[in-house]
Amino acid sequence: MKKYLISALLVVGLSTTALAQRHPPRPTPPPHPSKTQLTNSKASELDKRYRTEKKMIMNHPLATKKMKNEQLKALNLRYQNEKKLLRAAR
């Protein structure tokens, strides 16, 4: 009787370990960012893009001062509109 009990436990143990090796546990998905974290990241991306575009305009070798001023005005207007949209989304 003890032989059957031991062999049954051994078979059950081996089958569960084989099943566990075949199907590893699923990793938990990463938590979704909160709405404030999402808007903050969007705002920082917007600021970064604004700074790079402004730097490109200011360092352009062929543009005149008038052209640069016009481009900066358009950039500032677009930046302000996008900031308003971000604030409205909150």
Protein backbone atom coordinates (compact mmCIF):
# COMPACT_ATOMS: atom_id res chain seq x y z
CA MET A 1 0.00 0.00 0.00
CA LYS A 2 2.86 2.37 0.83
CA LYS A 3 4.46 1.63 -2.54
CA TYR A 4 1.30 2.67 -4.37
CA LEU A 5 0.93 5.84 -2.32
CA ILE A 6 4.56 6.83 -2.88
CA SER A 7 4.41 6.06 -6.60
CA ALA A 8 1.12 7.99 -6.95
CA LEU A 9 2.61 11.03 -5.21
CA LEU A 10 5.70 10.77 -7.36
CA VAL A 11 3.64 10.64 -10.58
CA VAL A 12 1.48 13.57 -9.49
CA GLY A 13 4.55 15.61 -8.55
CA LEU A 14 6.31 14.91 -11.81
CA SER A 15 3.24 15.70 -13.89
CA THR A 16 2.71 19.05 -12.16
CA THR A 17 6.34 20.07 -12.64
CA ALA A 18 6.17 19.04 -16.30
CA LEU A 19 2.96 21.03 -16.73
CA ALA A 20 4.53 24.05 -15.01
CA GLN A 21 7.52 23.88 -17.35
CA ARG A 22 5.29 23.74 -20.37
CA HIS A 23 3.11 26.66 -19.25
CA PRO A 24 5.16 29.21 -17.32
CA PRO A 25 3.14 31.67 -15.24
CA ARG A 26 2.05 34.78 -17.08
CA PRO A 27 3.84 37.95 -16.10
CA THR A 28 1.63 40.70 -14.75
CA PRO A 29 1.14 43.48 -17.26
CA PRO A 30 2.77 46.79 -16.42
CA PRO A 31 0.44 49.26 -14.73
CA HIS A 32 -1.15 51.85 -16.96
CA PRO A 33 0.01 55.41 -16.38
CA SER A 34 -2.47 57.71 -14.69
CA LYS A 35 -4.05 60.55 -16.61
CA THR A 36 -1.84 63.15 -14.91
CA GLN A 37 1.30 61.15 -15.70
CA LEU A 38 0.17 60.88 -19.32
CA THR A 39 -0.50 64.61 -19.65
CA ASN A 40 2.79 65.45 -17.93
CA SER A 41 4.71 63.23 -20.34
CA LYS A 42 2.88 64.77 -23.31
CA ALA A 43 3.67 68.26 -22.00
CA SER A 44 7.35 67.44 -21.56
CA GLU A 45 7.49 65.98 -25.09
CA LEU A 46 5.83 69.13 -26.40
CA ASP A 47 8.33 71.36 -24.57
CA LYS A 48 11.25 69.31 -25.85
CA ARG A 49 9.99 69.47 -29.44
CA TYR A 50 9.41 73.24 -29.10
CA ARG A 51 12.95 73.83 -27.85
CA THR A 52 14.52 71.76 -30.64
CA GLU A 53 12.47 73.49 -33.35
CA LYS A 54 13.31 76.91 -31.91
CA LYS A 55 17.00 76.01 -31.84
CA MET A 56 16.82 74.85 -35.46
CA ILE A 57 15.15 78.11 -36.52
CA MET A 58 17.62 80.27 -34.64
CA ASN A 59 20.67 78.40 -35.96
CA HIS A 60 19.55 78.31 -39.59
CA PRO A 61 22.42 79.68 -41.70
CA LEU A 62 20.42 81.09 -44.64
CA ALA A 63 17.34 82.57 -42.97
CA THR A 64 17.16 86.31 -42.47
CA LYS A 65 16.07 87.95 -39.21
CA LYS A 66 12.64 88.70 -40.62
CA MET A 67 12.17 85.09 -41.73
CA LYS A 68 13.30 83.81 -38.34
CA ASN A 69 10.92 86.18 -36.53
CA GLU A 70 7.99 85.05 -38.69
CA GLN A 71 8.83 81.39 -38.12
CA LEU A 72 9.19 81.93 -34.37
CA LYS A 73 5.80 83.70 -34.23
CA ALA A 74 4.18 80.78 -36.03
CA LEU A 75 5.97 78.31 -33.76
CA ASN A 76 4.89 80.17 -30.62
CA LEU A 77 1.29 80.31 -31.82
CA ARG A 78 1.25 76.59 -32.56
CA TYR A 79 2.89 75.85 -29.21
CA GLN A 80 0.31 77.93 -27.34
CA ASN A 81 -2.57 76.19 -29.12
CA GLU A 82 -1.18 72.75 -28.31
CA LYS A 83 -0.68 73.75 -24.66
CA LYS A 84 -4.32 74.91 -24.51
CA LEU A 85 -5.43 71.56 -25.89
CA LEU A 86 -3.39 69.73 -23.27
CA ARG A 87 -4.87 71.85 -20.47
CA ALA A 88 -8.39 71.27 -21.82
CA ALA A 89 -7.80 67.51 -21.83
CA ARG A 90 -7.14 67.56 -18.08
